[in-house]
């Protein structure tokens, strides 16, 4: 995904930082690799065009007035090998820093009526830079980068911030840097809007972004023999990852992501290898799946904690995200079950689908585990 941070600085100017994968803009991984290793990439016409589209697509307003951004610094992934740029499992990210000037508010001098001014300078307006009262962001069609966009808006003047996932052309909630009445922020949205947004984010986190979760569910599908087995395993998995998602998002438990992500990859490989070795027993696999579900829940929580929750809507957002995850998961299960039912011969299903599929899933899980451990 793309990460975008917007911050109001002490002098009331604004700074933005974008962490983006430029593969799509470059047209290929090879070209992105070439950009990253140029002596002066910003002189390249293609890079200049990309930066122009990026700034034009970054529609951020301060008190309803558009901000004009200038690129101040770019950190390219120069230390990455070409294989990282061409691999579908690696995303070299470029950090682009931008700046916008302080909002200037003109305050006319007060001139008493019927009293002529002594000098013309008394008619000149006084100007001072003041912090914006409200910020709002939208990433237009010109912002052609990976979605969702993880947006964070903050201000050094307060501890209030806005964290939200967006897609292109979606307007962010209003962000009031210094808060409004009762020390609340106007970022609070109607519960229905939060519910809708986070359900969709839960769905897109699985389809098409959550391939590790998808492969784990497919591994369970390939190891089943009856619908009852599948229902029991999926129910245990859902209960487990819901439990740790809630606890970790609330801060009750915390496990570093550098351990969680490789562990998730190993759970994928374990289930697939188990399919190859022997037919899984229903309740023995349930215990394994429940334990693995706890690990997957930590992964979901890591994403949510990084992006944050809308103020005052923690529970609604958490439940909505989890519902979205389950909707996507059930769609995968339903599609797999329909395909399974079209095979009249169970032995042919195992020989032609379950075994080759499990081999592929096991290899992928082991590869991800190694990559995540060393990278």
Protein backbone atom coordinates (compact mmCIF):
# COMPACT_ATOMS: atom_id res chain seq x y z
CA UNK A 1 0.00 0.00 0.00
CA UNK A 2 0.97 3.67 -0.16
CA UNK A 3 1.65 5.60 3.04
CA UNK A 4 1.02 9.34 3.22
CA UNK A 5 1.81 11.54 6.23
CA UNK A 6 0.90 15.23 6.42
CA UNK A 7 2.18 17.32 9.33
CA UNK A 8 1.70 20.95 10.36
CA UNK A 9 5.08 22.27 11.54
CA UNK A 10 5.85 24.86 14.27
CA UNK A 11 6.01 27.69 11.71
CA UNK A 12 2.58 26.54 10.40
CA UNK A 13 4.02 25.37 7.11
CA UNK A 14 3.12 21.83 6.06
CA UNK A 15 5.27 18.83 5.32
CA UNK A 16 4.17 15.67 3.53
CA UNK A 17 5.95 12.34 3.24
CA UNK A 18 4.87 9.68 0.76
CA UNK A 19 6.11 6.10 0.74
CA UNK A 20 5.26 4.70 -2.68
CA UNK A 21 6.04 1.83 -5.03
CA UNK A 22 6.82 3.37 -8.43
CA UNK A 23 6.74 0.10 -10.41
CA UNK A 24 3.41 0.91 -12.06
CA UNK A 25 4.49 4.44 -12.94
CA UNK A 26 7.80 3.22 -14.35
CA UNK A 27 6.06 0.61 -16.49
CA UNK A 28 8.19 -2.29 -15.27
CA UNK A 29 10.42 -3.37 -12.42
CA UNK A 30 13.47 -3.07 -14.64
CA UNK A 31 12.70 0.56 -15.42
CA UNK A 32 12.01 1.33 -11.75
CA UNK A 33 15.40 -0.20 -10.93
CA UNK A 34 17.00 2.04 -13.59
CA UNK A 35 15.34 5.14 -12.10
CA UNK A 36 16.57 4.26 -8.62
CA UNK A 37 20.18 3.95 -9.75
CA UNK A 38 20.46 7.08 -11.87
CA UNK A 39 23.00 9.63 -10.69
CA UNK A 40 20.29 12.31 -10.71
CA UNK A 41 16.87 10.70 -11.21
CA UNK A 42 14.93 13.98 -11.05
CA UNK A 43 16.49 15.07 -14.34
CA UNK A 44 14.98 12.08 -16.14
CA UNK A 45 11.89 13.21 -18.13
CA UNK A 46 9.87 10.14 -17.11
CA UNK A 47 10.62 10.74 -13.42
CA UNK A 48 9.72 14.41 -13.80
CA UNK A 49 6.37 13.46 -15.35
CA UNK A 50 5.69 11.03 -12.50
CA UNK A 51 6.47 13.66 -9.86
CA UNK A 52 4.21 16.15 -11.66
CA UNK A 53 1.32 13.67 -11.63
CA UNK A 54 1.98 12.93 -7.98
CA UNK A 55 1.82 16.57 -6.88
CA UNK A 56 -1.24 17.23 -9.03
CA UNK A 57 -3.01 14.20 -7.59
CA UNK A 58 -2.24 15.22 -4.00
CA UNK A 59 -5.34 17.32 -3.33
CA UNK A 60 -4.99 18.59 0.23
CA UNK A 61 -6.87 21.68 1.33
CA UNK A 62 -6.28 23.97 4.30
CA UNK A 63 -9.44 25.85 5.30
CA UNK A 64 -10.92 24.85 1.91
CA UNK A 65 -7.98 26.40 0.03
CA UNK A 66 -5.76 24.09 -2.09
CA UNK A 67 -2.16 23.67 -1.00
CA UNK A 68 0.63 23.83 -3.55
CA UNK A 69 3.25 21.18 -2.93
CA UNK A 70 6.89 21.16 -3.94
CA UNK A 71 9.11 18.06 -3.86
CA UNK A 72 11.99 18.72 -1.45
CA UNK A 73 13.75 15.36 -1.22
CA UNK A 74 13.54 11.83 -2.63
CA UNK A 75 15.04 8.72 -1.06
CA UNK A 76 15.34 5.97 -3.67
CA UNK A 77 15.74 2.24 -2.87
CA UNK A 78 19.29 2.19 -4.24
CA UNK A 79 20.50 -0.66 -2.05
CA UNK A 80 18.01 -3.20 -3.45
CA UNK A 81 18.98 -5.78 -6.12
CA UNK A 82 17.20 -5.99 -9.46
CA UNK A 83 15.46 -9.19 -8.35
CA UNK A 84 13.55 -7.21 -5.70
CA UNK A 85 12.17 -4.89 -8.38
CA UNK A 86 11.04 -7.72 -10.65
CA UNK A 87 9.67 -10.02 -7.93
CA UNK A 88 5.95 -9.99 -7.26
CA UNK A 89 6.67 -10.61 -3.58
CA UNK A 90 8.86 -7.57 -2.95
CA UNK A 91 7.93 -3.91 -3.02
CA UNK A 92 10.87 -1.47 -3.12
CA UNK A 93 9.50 1.78 -1.72
CA UNK A 94 10.57 5.32 -2.57
CA UNK A 95 10.14 8.07 0.02
CA UNK A 96 9.11 11.42 -1.43
CA UNK A 97 9.10 14.46 0.84
CA UNK A 98 7.12 17.56 -0.07
CA UNK A 99 6.50 20.97 1.47
CA UNK A 100 3.76 23.59 1.28
CA UNK A 101 4.07 27.17 2.58
CA UNK A 102 2.36 28.41 5.71
CA UNK A 103 -1.22 29.60 5.36
CA UNK A 104 -1.18 33.39 5.48
CA UNK A 105 -4.22 35.16 6.91
CA UNK A 106 -4.59 38.85 6.05
CA UNK A 107 -5.93 40.99 8.91
CA UNK A 108 -6.85 44.59 7.85
CA UNK A 109 -5.79 47.39 10.16
CA UNK A 110 -8.57 48.90 12.23
CA UNK A 111 -9.16 52.51 11.16
CA UNK A 112 -11.69 54.56 13.22
CA UNK A 113 -14.47 56.10 11.16
CA UNK A 114 -14.25 59.82 10.31
CA UNK A 115 -10.55 59.88 11.20
CA UNK A 116 -8.21 60.14 8.24
CA UNK A 117 -5.09 58.12 8.44
CA UNK A 118 -1.80 59.93 9.02
CA UNK A 119 0.15 57.66 6.71
CA UNK A 120 -0.75 55.41 3.86
CA UNK A 121 1.02 52.53 5.62
CA UNK A 122 -1.78 52.38 8.18
CA UNK A 123 -4.01 51.07 5.41
CA UNK A 124 -1.69 48.17 4.67
CA UNK A 125 -2.95 44.86 5.95
CA UNK A 126 -0.98 43.04 8.61
CA UNK A 127 -0.24 39.47 7.78
CA UNK A 128 0.71 36.57 9.91
CA UNK A 129 1.01 32.85 9.43
CA UNK A 130 -1.63 30.95 11.33
CA UNK A 131 -2.24 27.21 11.55
CA UNK A 132 -5.03 25.91 9.34
CA UNK A 133 -8.26 25.37 11.22
CA UNK A 134 -9.10 22.28 9.18
CA UNK A 135 -7.31 20.00 6.73
CA UNK A 136 -8.86 17.60 4.28
CA UNK A 137 -7.26 15.26 1.74
CA UNK A 138 -8.25 13.48 -1.44
CA UNK A 139 -6.03 11.52 -3.85
CA UNK A 140 -7.36 12.08 -7.36
CA UNK A 141 -7.10 9.93 -10.50
CA UNK A 142 -3.69 11.44 -11.21
CA UNK A 143 -2.35 9.71 -8.08
CA UNK A 144 -1.79 6.33 -9.76
CA UNK A 145 -0.15 4.40 -6.97
CA UNK A 146 -0.93 1.30 -4.93
CA UNK A 147 -4.13 1.31 -2.91
CA UNK A 148 -5.25 1.57 -0.19
CA UNK A 149 -3.52 4.80 0.83
CA UNK A 150 -2.72 4.91 4.54
CA UNK A 151 -3.17 8.56 5.45
CA UNK A 152 -2.06 10.23 8.68
CA UNK A 153 -2.52 13.94 9.39
CA UNK A 154 -1.02 15.48 12.52
CA UNK A 155 0.17 18.76 14.04
CA UNK A 156 3.04 19.58 16.39
CA UNK A 157 0.62 21.95 18.13
CA UNK A 158 -1.46 19.15 19.65
CA UNK A 159 -1.66 15.41 20.20
CA UNK A 160 -4.68 15.10 17.92
CA UNK A 161 -4.23 13.20 14.69
CA UNK A 162 -6.31 11.62 11.96
CA UNK A 163 -5.56 8.13 10.64
CA UNK A 164 -7.58 6.68 7.79
CA UNK A 165 -7.33 4.34 4.83
CA UNK A 166 -8.43 5.89 1.54
CA UNK A 167 -8.76 4.89 -2.08
CA UNK A 168 -8.50 7.24 -5.04
CA UNK A 169 -11.15 9.98 -5.20
CA UNK A 170 -12.31 9.26 -1.66
CA UNK A 171 -12.54 12.40 0.48
CA UNK A 172 -10.94 12.13 3.88
CA UNK A 173 -12.76 13.25 7.02
CA UNK A 174 -12.02 16.78 8.16
CA UNK A 175 -9.03 17.09 10.47
CA UNK A 176 -9.09 19.88 13.07
CA UNK A 177 -5.49 20.21 14.36
CA UNK A 178 -6.37 21.96 17.61
CA UNK A 179 -9.71 20.26 18.16
CA UNK A 180 -13.18 21.76 18.58
CA UNK A 181 -15.62 22.06 21.45
CA UNK A 182 -15.16 19.63 24.34
CA UNK A 183 -11.67 18.84 23.06
CA UNK A 184 -13.16 16.60 20.39
CA UNK A 185 -12.03 16.51 16.78
CA UNK A 186 -14.29 16.80 13.81
CA UNK A 187 -12.77 13.64 12.43
CA UNK A 188 -15.52 11.67 14.14
CA UNK A 189 -17.80 10.30 11.46
CA UNK A 190 -21.30 8.84 11.68
CA UNK A 191 -21.09 5.24 12.83
CA UNK A 192 -22.63 4.09 9.55
CA UNK A 193 -19.80 5.70 7.56
CA UNK A 194 -17.11 4.17 9.81
CA UNK A 195 -18.85 0.78 9.61
CA UNK A 196 -19.02 0.94 5.82
CA UNK A 197 -15.43 2.17 5.37
CA UNK A 198 -13.86 -0.42 7.66
CA UNK A 199 -15.87 -3.33 6.26
CA UNK A 200 -14.53 -2.41 2.84
CA UNK A 201 -10.99 -2.09 4.21
CA UNK A 202 -11.32 -5.55 5.77
CA UNK A 203 -12.42 -7.01 2.45
CA UNK A 204 -9.63 -5.36 0.45
CA UNK A 205 -7.07 -6.40 3.04
CA UNK A 206 -7.85 -10.02 2.09
CA UNK A 207 -8.84 -9.61 -1.59
CA UNK A 208 -6.55 -8.70 -3.26
CA UNK A 209 -3.96 -7.61 -0.65
CA UNK A 210 -3.87 -10.52 1.81
CA UNK A 211 -2.38 -13.40 -0.13
CA UNK A 212 -0.90 -15.02 2.96
CA UNK A 213 -4.34 -15.24 4.56
CA UNK A 214 -5.88 -16.46 1.29
CA UNK A 215 -3.30 -19.24 0.95
CA UNK A 216 -3.89 -20.38 4.52
CA UNK A 217 -7.64 -20.70 3.89
CA UNK A 218 -6.97 -22.49 0.59
CA UNK A 219 -4.69 -24.90 2.47
CA UNK A 220 -7.61 -25.79 4.76
CA UNK A 221 -9.84 -26.29 1.73
CA UNK A 222 -7.38 -28.65 0.09
CA UNK A 223 -7.12 -30.75 3.25
CA UNK A 224 -10.84 -31.25 3.87
CA UNK A 225 -12.93 -34.30 3.09
CA UNK A 226 -16.34 -33.15 4.29
CA UNK A 227 -18.19 -29.86 4.68
CA UNK A 228 -18.35 -30.50 8.43
CA UNK A 229 -14.55 -30.52 8.65
CA UNK A 230 -14.29 -27.26 6.75
CA UNK A 231 -16.92 -25.54 8.91
CA UNK A 232 -15.18 -26.62 12.12
CA UNK A 233 -11.74 -25.47 10.96
CA UNK A 234 -12.88 -22.13 9.56
CA UNK A 235 -14.93 -21.43 12.71
CA UNK A 236 -11.92 -22.14 14.95
CA UNK A 237 -9.67 -20.00 12.76
CA UNK A 238 -12.16 -17.11 12.80
CA UNK A 239 -12.59 -17.25 16.57
CA UNK A 240 -8.83 -17.29 17.15
CA UNK A 241 -7.85 -14.40 14.88
CA UNK A 242 -10.81 -12.32 16.13
CA UNK A 243 -9.57 -12.80 19.69
CA UNK A 244 -6.00 -11.65 19.11
CA UNK A 245 -7.08 -8.92 16.67
CA UNK A 246 -9.17 -7.31 19.41
CA UNK A 247 -6.61 -7.76 22.19
CA UNK A 248 -3.65 -6.56 20.14
CA UNK A 249 -5.50 -3.62 18.61
CA UNK A 250 -6.48 -2.54 22.12
CA UNK A 251 -2.87 -2.84 23.25
CA UNK A 252 -3.42 -5.73 25.69
CA UNK A 253 -0.78 -7.82 23.90
CA UNK A 254 2.08 -6.84 21.61
CA UNK A 255 4.37 -8.97 19.46
CA UNK A 256 6.95 -7.41 17.07
CA UNK A 257 5.96 -7.69 13.42
CA UNK A 258 9.39 -9.08 12.51
CA UNK A 259 8.36 -12.25 14.36
CA UNK A 260 4.67 -12.27 13.42
CA UNK A 261 5.13 -12.08 9.64
CA UNK A 262 7.56 -15.02 9.29
CA UNK A 263 5.38 -17.03 11.69
CA UNK A 264 2.34 -16.44 9.48
CA UNK A 265 4.29 -17.71 6.47
CA UNK A 266 5.29 -20.84 8.41
CA UNK A 267 1.65 -21.55 9.33
CA UNK A 268 0.84 -21.58 5.62
CA UNK A 269 3.62 -24.05 4.89
CA UNK A 270 2.70 -26.25 7.88
CA UNK A 271 -0.93 -26.71 6.80
CA UNK A 272 0.09 -27.47 3.22
CA UNK A 273 2.76 -30.00 4.24
CA UNK A 274 0.27 -31.66 6.58
CA UNK A 275 -2.08 -32.10 3.60
CA UNK A 276 0.69 -33.95 1.76
CA UNK A 277 1.70 -36.27 4.59
CA UNK A 278 -1.61 -37.67 5.78
CA UNK A 279 -5.32 -36.85 5.84
CA UNK A 280 -5.76 -34.36 8.74
CA UNK A 281 -7.90 -35.47 11.66
CA UNK A 282 -10.74 -33.06 12.31
CA UNK A 283 -10.14 -32.05 15.93
CA UNK A 284 -6.36 -32.38 15.89
CA UNK A 285 -6.24 -29.94 12.99
CA UNK A 286 -8.75 -27.71 14.80
CA UNK A 287 -6.26 -27.28 17.65
CA UNK A 288 -3.50 -26.43 15.16
CA UNK A 289 -5.71 -24.06 13.19
CA UNK A 290 -6.84 -22.27 16.36
CA UNK A 291 -3.22 -21.71 17.41
CA UNK A 292 -2.33 -20.45 13.94
CA UNK A 293 -5.39 -18.20 13.92
CA UNK A 294 -4.02 -16.42 16.99
CA UNK A 295 -0.89 -15.59 14.98
CA UNK A 296 -2.88 -14.34 11.97
CA UNK A 297 -4.90 -12.08 14.30
CA UNK A 298 -1.67 -10.43 15.44
CA UNK A 299 -0.88 -9.71 11.80
CA UNK A 300 -4.26 -8.04 11.25
CA UNK A 301 -3.82 -6.01 14.43
CA UNK A 302 -0.39 -4.82 13.32
CA UNK A 303 -1.92 -3.28 10.20
CA UNK A 304 -4.73 -1.59 12.13
CA UNK A 305 -2.46 -0.24 14.87
CA UNK A 306 -0.13 1.23 12.29
CA UNK A 307 -2.97 3.06 10.56
CA UNK A 308 -4.97 3.94 13.66
CA UNK A 309 -8.68 4.23 14.35
CA UNK A 310 -11.08 7.14 13.95
CA UNK A 311 -11.42 8.98 17.29
CA UNK A 312 -14.31 7.72 19.37
CA UNK A 313 -15.07 4.87 16.96
CA UNK A 314 -12.60 2.19 18.00
CA UNK A 315 -15.21 -0.54 18.54
CA UNK A 316 -17.17 0.23 15.37
CA UNK A 317 -14.03 0.30 13.24
CA UNK A 318 -12.63 -2.89 14.79
CA UNK A 319 -15.86 -4.84 14.31
CA UNK A 320 -16.33 -3.46 10.79
CA UNK A 321 -12.80 -4.46 9.76
CA UNK A 322 -13.28 -7.96 11.16
CA UNK A 323 -16.63 -8.34 9.38
CA UNK A 324 -14.95 -7.34 6.13
CA UNK A 325 -12.23 -9.95 6.68
CA UNK A 326 -14.86 -12.62 7.29
CA UNK A 327 -16.89 -11.63 4.22
CA UNK A 328 -13.80 -12.02 2.02
CA UNK A 329 -12.86 -15.27 3.76
CA UNK A 330 -16.34 -16.74 3.26
CA UNK A 331 -16.26 -15.76 -0.41
CA UNK A 332 -13.03 -17.75 -0.84
CA UNK A 333 -14.46 -20.73 1.04
CA UNK A 334 -17.70 -20.68 -0.96
CA UNK A 335 -15.86 -20.52 -4.28
CA UNK A 336 -13.56 -23.38 -3.23
CA UNK A 337 -16.47 -25.51 -2.09
CA UNK A 338 -18.31 -24.99 -5.39
CA UNK A 339 -15.21 -26.08 -7.32
CA UNK A 340 -14.80 -29.10 -5.03
CA UNK A 341 -18.39 -30.17 -5.58
CA UNK A 342 -17.94 -30.18 -9.35
CA UNK A 343 -15.46 -33.05 -9.01
CA UNK A 344 -17.38 -36.29 -8.98
CA UNK A 345 -14.32 -38.41 -8.18
CA UNK A 346 -12.68 -37.57 -4.80
CA UNK A 347 -9.46 -39.46 -5.68
CA UNK A 348 -9.11 -37.39 -8.86
CA UNK A 349 -9.59 -34.21 -6.79
CA UNK A 350 -6.77 -35.19 -4.45
CA UNK A 351 -4.44 -36.29 -7.24
CA UNK A 352 -5.05 -33.40 -9.63
CA UNK A 353 -5.88 -30.49 -7.29
CA UNK A 354 -5.21 -31.07 -3.59
CA UNK A 355 -1.68 -32.50 -3.84
CA UNK A 356 -0.27 -30.13 -6.51
CA UNK A 357 -1.99 -27.18 -4.82
CA UNK A 358 -0.57 -28.10 -1.42
CA UNK A 359 2.94 -28.43 -2.88
CA UNK A 360 2.67 -24.95 -4.39
CA UNK A 361 1.28 -23.44 -1.16
CA UNK A 362 3.99 -25.11 0.96
CA UNK A 363 6.74 -23.81 -1.31
CA UNK A 364 5.29 -20.31 -1.25
CA UNK A 365 4.95 -20.30 2.53
CA UNK A 366 8.54 -21.45 3.04
CA UNK A 367 9.82 -18.87 0.56
CA UNK A 368 7.93 -16.06 2.34
CA UNK A 369 9.23 -17.24 5.71
CA UNK A 370 12.85 -17.05 4.52
CA UNK A 371 12.34 -13.68 2.81
CA UNK A 372 10.68 -12.19 5.89
CA UNK A 373 13.30 -13.52 8.25
CA UNK A 374 16.27 -12.21 6.30
CA UNK A 375 14.68 -9.08 4.84
